[in-house]
Protein backbone atom coordinates (compact mmCIF):
# COMPACT_ATOMS: atom_id res chain seq x y z
CA MET A 1 10.61 -1.40 -6.28
CA TYR A 2 8.06 0.95 -4.70
CA ASN A 3 6.37 -1.92 -2.88
CA LEU A 4 9.68 -2.90 -1.32
CA PHE A 5 10.34 0.68 -0.24
CA ALA A 6 6.85 1.05 1.25
CA LEU A 7 7.11 -2.31 2.99
CA ALA A 8 10.49 -1.44 4.50
CA LEU A 9 9.43 2.03 5.60
CA PHE A 10 5.84 1.56 6.74
CA GLY A 11 6.05 -2.14 7.58
CA ILE A 12 8.71 -1.60 10.21
CA ILE A 13 6.66 1.16 11.83
CA LEU A 14 3.45 -0.90 11.84
CA GLU A 15 5.19 -4.03 13.11
CA ASN A 16 6.51 -2.04 16.07
CA VAL A 17 2.99 -0.77 16.78
CA ILE A 18 0.98 -4.02 16.51
CA GLY A 19 3.59 -6.78 16.86
CA THR A 20 5.00 -9.34 14.45
CA ARG A 21 2.16 -11.88 14.49
CA LYS A 22 -0.60 -9.35 13.90
CA PHE A 23 1.52 -7.68 11.24
CA LEU A 24 1.99 -10.94 9.33
CA VAL A 25 -1.71 -11.77 9.56
CA LEU A 26 -2.66 -8.30 8.29
CA PHE A 27 -0.08 -8.47 5.50
CA PHE A 28 -1.19 -11.87 4.18
CA ILE A 29 -4.93 -11.26 4.55
CA SER A 30 -4.64 -7.87 2.81
CA GLY A 31 -2.69 -9.47 -0.04
CA LEU A 32 -5.17 -12.32 -0.44
CA PHE A 33 -8.18 -10.01 -0.23
CA ALA A 34 -6.71 -7.65 -2.85
CA SER A 35 -5.93 -10.59 -5.14
CA VAL A 36 -9.47 -11.96 -4.90
CA ILE A 37 -11.10 -8.56 -5.47
CA SER A 38 -8.74 -7.63 -8.32
CA SER A 39 -9.46 -10.90 -10.13
CA PHE A 40 -12.88 -9.48 -11.04
CA PHE A 41 -11.29 -6.47 -12.76
CA TYR A 42 -7.82 -7.49 -13.97
CA ASN A 43 -6.09 -10.49 -15.52
CA SER A 44 -3.33 -10.30 -12.91
CA ALA A 45 -3.35 -10.22 -9.12
CA LEU A 46 -2.60 -7.27 -6.86
CA GLY A 47 -1.16 -9.32 -4.01
CA ALA A 48 1.92 -7.33 -3.00
CA SER A 49 0.38 -3.95 -3.75
CA GLY A 50 -2.78 -4.93 -1.90
CA ALA A 51 -0.75 -6.02 1.11
CA ILE A 52 1.02 -2.64 1.10
CA TYR A 53 -2.34 -0.85 0.95
CA GLY A 54 -3.38 -2.92 3.98
CA ILE A 55 -0.30 -1.73 5.85
CA LEU A 56 -0.88 1.89 4.86
CA GLY A 57 -4.56 1.65 5.79
CA ALA A 58 -3.71 0.23 9.20
CA LEU A 59 -1.26 3.05 9.84
CA VAL A 60 -3.84 5.62 8.73
CA VAL A 61 -6.26 4.19 11.30
CA LEU A 62 -3.75 3.66 14.12
CA ARG A 63 -1.46 6.68 13.63
CA PRO A 64 -3.40 9.25 11.53
CA THR A 65 -1.39 12.25 12.75
CA MET A 66 2.05 10.64 12.42
CA GLN A 67 4.17 12.98 10.29
CA ILE A 68 5.89 11.45 7.26
CA TRP A 69 7.54 12.76 4.12
CA ALA A 70 5.64 11.85 0.96
CA TYR A 71 6.71 13.20 -2.41
CA TYR A 72 9.23 15.48 -0.63
CA ILE A 73 6.49 17.13 1.44
CA PRO A 74 5.88 16.58 5.17
CA MET A 75 2.27 15.54 5.87
CA PRO A 76 0.21 13.55 8.36
CA MET A 77 -0.28 9.87 7.63
CA TYR A 78 -3.97 10.22 6.75
CA ILE A 79 -3.17 12.77 4.02
CA ALA A 80 -0.23 10.67 2.78
CA GLY A 81 -2.47 7.60 2.55
CA LEU A 82 -5.02 9.55 0.53
CA VAL A 83 -2.33 10.99 -1.76
CA TYR A 84 -0.77 7.54 -2.28
CA PHE A 85 -4.17 6.10 -3.18
CA VAL A 86 -5.06 8.91 -5.60
CA VAL A 87 -1.67 8.80 -7.36
CA ASN A 88 -1.83 5.02 -7.77
CA PHE A 89 -5.49 5.01 -8.81
CA PHE A 90 -5.00 7.58 -11.56
CA GLY A 91 -1.70 5.98 -12.56
CA ALA A 92 -3.47 2.65 -13.07
CA TYR A 93 -6.52 4.24 -14.70
CA PHE A 94 -4.48 6.21 -17.23
CA GLY A 95 -1.74 3.59 -17.62
CA ILE A 96 0.97 5.80 -16.13
CA GLY A 97 3.96 4.10 -14.55
CA ASN A 98 4.33 0.37 -13.94
CA THR A 99 0.91 -1.17 -14.55
CA GLY A 100 2.19 -4.75 -14.47
CA LYS A 101 1.90 -5.19 -18.23
CA LEU A 102 4.78 -6.83 -20.03
CA LYS A 103 6.49 -4.79 -22.71
CA GLN A 104 6.70 -6.43 -26.10
């Protein structure tokens, strides 16, 4: 759900900045790279989430001062990218939220 929201929100912005072809290349390469790297640490792949991190990272580099609302607070894109990373890192580390594990 959050990946879809992030893709719709940030993907549209990035696609307008770099164009459709470059966006698709970045999206797929980020997803593949994240899946390969995550295979050393997890039993499942991080394809979609990794692709979203690629999009966020590209926006942090290309539009670092772009103002967005993250967690109901206005902030520049570089701060929002850092916050998004920290929240997801600690969420995965401590098992908070959707970690991709099936409930039994």
